[in-house]
Each structure stands twice: as structure tokens, then as C-alpha cells.
Amino acid sequence: MARAGLRRIGDLALRPRAPIAARFGADVIARLDALAGDARGAISPRFAAPELSVERRFASPIAASEAAFAALARLADDLALLLERQGKGARRLELMLFRIDGGARRISVGAGRPLAEAKAMARLFAERLAGGAEEEIDTGFGSISCAFPASSPSGSRRRKANGSGSRNRPARARSPISSTA
């Protein structure tokens, strides 16, 4: 474009559109329209919207880490209730901590099986937060949100679908080698 004498956006805007599109492609015209506000493009979010989310907002910022853990336990209770109603379980959970000064932290944990129990969810986050200095909760959070991006059927719903309430596993075969000497 520089060889054609087009160094600024204004140089493009003053020229006829058809020769510019023929020489540089329709993408240049589409971008020029977007810059001018004539065309609207789809906005894609940085993160996918979670399937379920619960949130707590506080009138004043959290001043102690014990209060943050208590709020986390209440969030886990709320999320467990939603999961139980829908018969789903969470394998990956995200905790978002929003500071009153505009900062935000995102902490993710994963589980080996779909979880729907509040104590298990809270324990995963508590272990993660107690485990490392980089994940430590400092004070000043005005809002806490807990979400999970995708769900799996919970174990209780799968057992009900089998009809018996217990897992239908074949009996283990005994080892031909005796354990007695």
C-alpha cells in the first residue's frame, strides 16, 4: 500500500472503493468500514460463558482469608444445589475473585469424577489455595464467583439409569496363585 501512495487511513477513505478492493482485496474495505463504524462485526468473548455460575457480592471488601473461605463454602453449597437439580456434575471448576480496585484472579481446579457435593468442591479450592503461595487469597475482594464451564452427568443419575442403584460390574476373577505359603 505504501508503494501505491496510501500511507494513512485517510488516504484509503478518499479513494474510490472498487479499485482498492480489486487491488488489495475485499478485506481491506471491510476493515475500513469497521474502523469508520459502518460495519458491525461479531465480538468474541475471551472466555466461553459458563454453563452454571453462582456469585456473592459484599457491601465491604473481605478483610480476612477466613471470611473468603466461608464465602467459598456458601458458593459451593449454592452451586451443588443447582447441579443436583439438573442432575449434573462438575469436573472443572473456576473461582473468580474480583477486587474492589479492579483486579481479578481466576483459579481453576479439576476433579477425576463429576462432582455435585458442596464439601468436595470447597475442599478442592481450599487445597489449591492452601497449597501454594501464588494461589494465596489476599484481602480486598468485593465479589466472588464460582462457575463451571461444562457439565457431565452426575454419578447418581448414571446409577439411577442402570436401574439398580449399584454399579453393574462383573465379579472379579480370583487369582490362580494362592496367597498362602
C-alpha atoms as a PDB file:
ATOM      1  CA  MET A   1       0.000   0.000   0.000  1.00  0.00           C
ATOM      2  CA  ALA A   2       2.908   2.321   0.729  1.00  0.00           C
ATOM      3  CA  ARG A   3       4.159   1.925  -2.870  1.00  0.00           C
ATOM      4  CA  ALA A   4       0.710   2.983  -4.102  1.00  0.00           C
ATOM      5  CA  GLY A   5       0.943   6.179  -2.043  1.00  0.00           C
ATOM      6  CA  LEU A   6      -1.508   5.004   0.638  1.00  0.00           C
ATOM      7  CA  ARG A   7       0.190   5.718   3.941  1.00  0.00           C
ATOM      8  CA  ARG A   8      -2.722   6.742   6.134  1.00  0.00           C
ATOM      9  CA  ILE A   9      -6.289   5.575   6.640  1.00  0.00           C
ATOM     10  CA  GLY A  10      -7.493   8.898   5.279  1.00  0.00           C
ATOM     11  CA  ASP A  11      -5.686   8.157   2.008  1.00  0.00           C
ATOM     12  CA  LEU A  12      -7.766   4.966   1.666  1.00  0.00           C
ATOM     13  CA  ALA A  13     -11.013   6.633   2.686  1.00  0.00           C
ATOM     14  CA  LEU A  14     -10.716   9.341   0.000  1.00  0.00           C
ATOM     15  CA  ARG A  15     -10.172   6.894  -2.893  1.00  0.00           C
ATOM     16  CA  PRO A  16     -12.911   5.052  -4.776  1.00  0.00           C
ATOM     17  CA  ARG A  17     -13.698   1.700  -3.145  1.00  0.00           C
ATOM     18  CA  ALA A  18     -13.873  -0.522  -6.240  1.00  0.00           C
ATOM     19  CA  PRO A  19     -10.226  -0.073  -7.347  1.00  0.00           C
ATOM     20  CA  ILE A  20      -8.981  -0.565  -3.758  1.00  0.00           C
ATOM     21  CA  ALA A  21     -10.992  -3.791  -3.410  1.00  0.00           C
ATOM     22  CA  ALA A  22      -9.747  -5.021  -6.803  1.00  0.00           C
ATOM     23  CA  ARG A  23      -6.115  -4.339  -5.976  1.00  0.00           C
ATOM     24  CA  PHE A  24      -5.888  -5.182  -2.238  1.00  0.00           C
ATOM     25  CA  GLY A  25      -8.918  -7.419  -1.647  1.00  0.00           C
ATOM     26  CA  ALA A  26     -12.314  -7.055  -0.021  1.00  0.00           C
ATOM     27  CA  ASP A  27     -10.802  -7.492   3.446  1.00  0.00           C
ATOM     28  CA  VAL A  28      -9.247  -4.013   3.271  1.00  0.00           C
ATOM     29  CA  ILE A  29     -12.647  -2.474   2.524  1.00  0.00           C
ATOM     30  CA  ALA A  30     -14.285  -4.490   5.321  1.00  0.00           C
ATOM     31  CA  ARG A  31     -11.662  -3.300   7.811  1.00  0.00           C
ATOM     32  CA  LEU A  32     -12.017   0.285   6.620  1.00  0.00           C
ATOM     33  CA  ASP A  33     -15.792   0.067   7.145  1.00  0.00           C
ATOM     34  CA  ALA A  34     -15.263  -1.384  10.615  1.00  0.00           C
ATOM     35  CA  LEU A  35     -12.887   1.453  11.522  1.00  0.00           C
ATOM     36  CA  ALA A  36     -15.399   4.020  10.331  1.00  0.00           C
ATOM     37  CA  GLY A  37     -18.166   2.333  12.308  1.00  0.00           C
ATOM     38  CA  ASP A  38     -20.170   1.469   9.192  1.00  0.00           C
ATOM     39  CA  ALA A  39     -19.893  -2.307   9.606  1.00  0.00           C
ATOM     40  CA  ARG A  40     -20.518  -4.330  12.706  1.00  0.00           C
ATOM     41  CA  GLY A  41     -18.502  -7.415  13.435  1.00  0.00           C
ATOM     42  CA  ALA A  42     -19.198 -10.161  15.892  1.00  0.00           C
ATOM     43  CA  ILE A  43     -17.466  -9.771  19.216  1.00  0.00           C
ATOM     44  CA  SER A  44     -15.982 -12.970  20.532  1.00  0.00           C
ATOM     45  CA  PRO A  45     -15.505 -13.216  24.300  1.00  0.00           C
ATOM     46  CA  ARG A  46     -12.142 -14.103  25.818  1.00  0.00           C
ATOM     47  CA  PHE A  47     -13.707 -16.921  27.811  1.00  0.00           C
ATOM     48  CA  ALA A  48     -16.729 -19.063  26.993  1.00  0.00           C
ATOM     49  CA  ALA A  49     -19.766 -18.348  29.121  1.00  0.00           C
ATOM     50  CA  PRO A  50     -20.085 -20.903  31.929  1.00  0.00           C
ATOM     51  CA  GLU A  51     -22.970 -23.332  31.964  1.00  0.00           C
ATOM     52  CA  LEU A  52     -23.785 -22.517  35.601  1.00  0.00           C
ATOM     53  CA  SER A  53     -22.462 -19.782  37.838  1.00  0.00           C
ATOM     54  CA  VAL A  54     -23.089 -18.505  41.361  1.00  0.00           C
ATOM     55  CA  GLU A  55     -21.854 -15.240  42.805  1.00  0.00           C
ATOM     56  CA  ARG A  56     -21.592 -13.371  46.099  1.00  0.00           C
ATOM     57  CA  ARG A  57     -21.157  -9.610  46.324  1.00  0.00           C
ATOM     58  CA  PHE A  58     -20.121  -7.901  49.506  1.00  0.00           C
ATOM     59  CA  ALA A  59     -21.021  -4.463  50.859  1.00  0.00           C
ATOM     60  CA  SER A  60     -17.448  -4.013  52.038  1.00  0.00           C
ATOM     61  CA  PRO A  61     -14.333  -5.860  50.871  1.00  0.00           C
ATOM     62  CA  ILE A  62     -13.297  -9.109  52.501  1.00  0.00           C
ATOM     63  CA  ALA A  63     -10.809  -8.312  55.267  1.00  0.00           C
ATOM     64  CA  ALA A  64      -9.753 -11.829  56.336  1.00  0.00           C
ATOM     65  CA  SER A  65      -8.982 -15.036  54.473  1.00  0.00           C
ATOM     66  CA  GLU A  66     -11.326 -16.937  56.836  1.00  0.00           C
ATOM     67  CA  ALA A  67     -14.214 -14.841  55.518  1.00  0.00           C
ATOM     68  CA  ALA A  68     -13.182 -15.707  51.964  1.00  0.00           C
ATOM     69  CA  PHE A  69     -13.181 -19.435  52.776  1.00  0.00           C
ATOM     70  CA  ALA A  70     -16.623 -19.103  54.416  1.00  0.00           C
ATOM     71  CA  ALA A  71     -17.955 -17.332  51.312  1.00  0.00           C
ATOM     72  CA  LEU A  72     -16.412 -20.057  49.153  1.00  0.00           C
ATOM     73  CA  ALA A  73     -18.244 -22.713  51.208  1.00  0.00           C
ATOM     74  CA  ARG A  74     -21.563 -20.891  50.689  1.00  0.00           C
ATOM     75  CA  LEU A  75     -20.875 -20.611  46.949  1.00  0.00           C
ATOM     76  CA  ALA A  76     -20.155 -24.332  46.800  1.00  0.00           C
ATOM     77  CA  ASP A  77     -23.487 -25.013  48.578  1.00  0.00           C
ATOM     78  CA  ASP A  78     -25.356 -22.886  46.031  1.00  0.00           C
ATOM     79  CA  LEU A  79     -23.612 -24.497  43.070  1.00  0.00           C
ATOM     80  CA  ALA A  80     -24.193 -28.001  44.457  1.00  0.00           C
ATOM     81  CA  LEU A  81     -27.909 -27.244  44.740  1.00  0.00           C
ATOM     82  CA  LEU A  82     -28.060 -26.118  41.096  1.00  0.00           C
ATOM     83  CA  LEU A  83     -26.112 -29.163  39.946  1.00  0.00           C
ATOM     84  CA  GLU A  84     -28.341 -31.524  41.927  1.00  0.00           C
ATOM     85  CA  ARG A  85     -31.494 -30.007  40.444  1.00  0.00           C
ATOM     86  CA  GLN A  86     -30.177 -30.585  36.922  1.00  0.00           C
ATOM     87  CA  GLY A  87     -28.626 -33.971  37.655  1.00  0.00           C
ATOM     88  CA  LYS A  88     -25.197 -32.799  36.541  1.00  0.00           C
ATOM     89  CA  GLY A  89     -21.703 -32.886  37.922  1.00  0.00           C
ATOM     90  CA  ALA A  90     -18.704 -30.606  37.520  1.00  0.00           C
ATOM     91  CA  ARG A  91     -15.291 -31.919  36.506  1.00  0.00           C
ATOM     92  CA  ARG A  92     -13.692 -28.496  36.186  1.00  0.00           C
ATOM     93  CA  LEU A  93     -14.489 -25.530  38.420  1.00  0.00           C
ATOM     94  CA  GLU A  94     -13.348 -21.933  38.227  1.00  0.00           C
ATOM     95  CA  LEU A  95     -13.223 -19.464  41.082  1.00  0.00           C
ATOM     96  CA  MET A  96     -13.129 -15.803  40.111  1.00  0.00           C
ATOM     97  CA  LEU A  97     -12.128 -13.246  42.726  1.00  0.00           C
ATOM     98  CA  PHE A  98     -12.835  -9.620  41.854  1.00  0.00           C
ATOM     99  CA  ARG A  99     -11.018  -6.935  43.821  1.00  0.00           C
ATOM    100  CA  ILE A 100     -12.555  -3.562  44.522  1.00  0.00           C
ATOM    101  CA  ASP A 101      -9.578  -1.859  42.831  1.00  0.00           C
ATOM    102  CA  GLY A 102     -10.430  -3.579  39.519  1.00  0.00           C
ATOM    103  CA  GLY A 103      -8.054  -6.533  39.761  1.00  0.00           C
ATOM    104  CA  ALA A 104      -9.275 -10.059  39.189  1.00  0.00           C
ATOM    105  CA  ARG A 105      -7.954 -13.571  39.820  1.00  0.00           C
ATOM    106  CA  ARG A 106      -9.093 -16.810  38.207  1.00  0.00           C
ATOM    107  CA  ILE A 107      -8.318 -20.119  39.902  1.00  0.00           C
ATOM    108  CA  SER A 108      -9.239 -23.410  38.214  1.00  0.00           C
ATOM    109  CA  VAL A 109      -9.430 -26.864  39.747  1.00  0.00           C
ATOM    110  CA  GLY A 110     -10.303 -30.216  38.235  1.00  0.00           C
ATOM    111  CA  ALA A 111     -11.790 -33.445  39.530  1.00  0.00           C
ATOM    112  CA  GLY A 112     -11.411 -37.019  38.381  1.00  0.00           C
ATOM    113  CA  ARG A 113     -15.143 -37.635  38.502  1.00  0.00           C
ATOM    114  CA  PRO A 114     -18.164 -35.350  38.142  1.00  0.00           C
ATOM    115  CA  LEU A 115     -18.774 -33.591  41.465  1.00  0.00           C
ATOM    116  CA  ALA A 116     -22.088 -32.427  42.840  1.00  0.00           C
ATOM    117  CA  GLU A 117     -21.163 -32.317  46.550  1.00  0.00           C
ATOM    118  CA  ALA A 118     -20.509 -28.916  48.097  1.00  0.00           C
ATOM    119  CA  LYS A 119     -17.902 -30.155  50.581  1.00  0.00           C
ATOM    120  CA  ALA A 120     -15.842 -31.792  47.839  1.00  0.00           C
ATOM    121  CA  MET A 121     -15.902 -28.639  45.696  1.00  0.00           C
ATOM    122  CA  ALA A 122     -14.932 -26.398  48.621  1.00  0.00           C
ATOM    123  CA  ARG A 123     -12.182 -28.844  49.635  1.00  0.00           C
ATOM    124  CA  LEU A 124     -10.648 -28.749  46.132  1.00  0.00           C
ATOM    125  CA  PHE A 125     -10.392 -24.962  46.244  1.00  0.00           C
ATOM    126  CA  ALA A 126      -9.184 -24.945  49.850  1.00  0.00           C
ATOM    127  CA  GLU A 127      -6.387 -27.399  48.972  1.00  0.00           C
ATOM    128  CA  ARG A 128      -5.406 -25.310  45.972  1.00  0.00           C
ATOM    129  CA  LEU A 129      -5.412 -22.075  47.946  1.00  0.00           C
ATOM    130  CA  ALA A 130      -3.522 -23.549  50.903  1.00  0.00           C
ATOM    131  CA  GLY A 131      -1.030 -25.360  48.682  1.00  0.00           C
ATOM    132  CA  GLY A 132       0.960 -22.573  47.082  1.00  0.00           C
ATOM    133  CA  ALA A 133       1.968 -19.012  47.796  1.00  0.00           C
ATOM    134  CA  GLU A 134       0.952 -17.872  44.285  1.00  0.00           C
ATOM    135  CA  GLU A 135      -2.634 -19.034  44.872  1.00  0.00           C
ATOM    136  CA  GLU A 136      -2.977 -17.452  48.313  1.00  0.00           C
ATOM    137  CA  ILE A 137      -6.041 -15.280  48.922  1.00  0.00           C
ATOM    138  CA  ASP A 138      -5.240 -11.739  49.887  1.00  0.00           C
ATOM    139  CA  THR A 139      -7.834  -9.311  51.186  1.00  0.00           C
ATOM    140  CA  GLY A 140      -9.789  -6.656  49.318  1.00  0.00           C
ATOM    141  CA  PHE A 141     -12.174  -8.774  47.290  1.00  0.00           C
ATOM    142  CA  GLY A 142     -15.623  -7.295  46.813  1.00  0.00           C
ATOM    143  CA  SER A 143     -17.131 -10.107  44.742  1.00  0.00           C
ATOM    144  CA  ILE A 144     -16.538 -13.849  44.416  1.00  0.00           C
ATOM    145  CA  SER A 145     -17.942 -16.021  41.664  1.00  0.00           C
ATOM    146  CA  CYS A 146     -17.790 -19.787  41.221  1.00  0.00           C
ATOM    147  CA  ALA A 147     -18.645 -21.386  37.891  1.00  0.00           C
ATOM    148  CA  PHE A 148     -18.084 -24.434  35.800  1.00  0.00           C
ATOM    149  CA  PRO A 149     -17.782 -24.260  32.038  1.00  0.00           C
ATOM    150  CA  ALA A 150     -19.196 -27.657  31.045  1.00  0.00           C
ATOM    151  CA  SER A 151     -21.086 -30.430  32.767  1.00  0.00           C
ATOM    152  CA  SER A 152     -21.197 -34.183  32.861  1.00  0.00           C
ATOM    153  CA  PRO A 153     -23.996 -36.402  34.092  1.00  0.00           C
ATOM    154  CA  SER A 154     -23.525 -36.918  37.811  1.00  0.00           C
ATOM    155  CA  GLY A 155     -22.759 -40.340  39.210  1.00  0.00           C
ATOM    156  CA  SER A 156     -26.120 -40.569  40.994  1.00  0.00           C
ATOM    157  CA  ARG A 157     -28.075 -40.048  37.767  1.00  0.00           C
ATOM    158  CA  ARG A 158     -25.996 -42.684  35.974  1.00  0.00           C
ATOM    159  CA  ARG A 159     -26.642 -45.216  38.738  1.00  0.00           C
ATOM    160  CA  LYS A 160     -30.373 -44.495  38.572  1.00  0.00           C
ATOM    161  CA  ALA A 161     -30.287 -45.037  34.814  1.00  0.00           C
ATOM    162  CA  ASN A 162     -28.855 -48.512  35.384  1.00  0.00           C
ATOM    163  CA  GLY A 163     -31.936 -49.286  37.432  1.00  0.00           C
ATOM    164  CA  SER A 164     -30.342 -50.989  40.408  1.00  0.00           C
ATOM    165  CA  GLY A 165     -28.646 -48.132  42.167  1.00  0.00           C
ATOM    166  CA  SER A 166     -25.361 -50.047  42.235  1.00  0.00           C
ATOM    167  CA  ARG A 167     -22.747 -50.332  39.592  1.00  0.00           C
ATOM    168  CA  ASN A 168     -23.169 -53.356  37.390  1.00  0.00           C
ATOM    169  CA  ARG A 169     -19.621 -54.643  37.420  1.00  0.00           C
ATOM    170  CA  PRO A 170     -18.660 -58.175  36.592  1.00  0.00           C
ATOM    171  CA  ALA A 171     -17.321 -60.163  39.525  1.00  0.00           C
ATOM    172  CA  ARG A 172     -13.558 -60.205  39.773  1.00  0.00           C
ATOM    173  CA  ALA A 173     -11.910 -63.426  38.871  1.00  0.00           C
ATOM    174  CA  ARG A 174      -9.805 -64.961  41.625  1.00  0.00           C
ATOM    175  CA  SER A 175      -6.126 -65.211  41.068  1.00  0.00           C
ATOM    176  CA  PRO A 176      -4.927 -68.774  40.363  1.00  0.00           C
ATOM    177  CA  ILE A 177      -1.941 -68.125  42.634  1.00  0.00           C
ATOM    178  CA  SER A 178      -2.731 -68.735  46.276  1.00  0.00           C
ATOM    179  CA  SER A 179      -1.724 -66.096  48.770  1.00  0.00           C
ATOM    180  CA  THR A 180      -0.964 -68.734  51.422  1.00  0.00           C
ATOM    181  CA  ALA A 181       2.518 -70.146  51.584  1.00  0.00           C
END
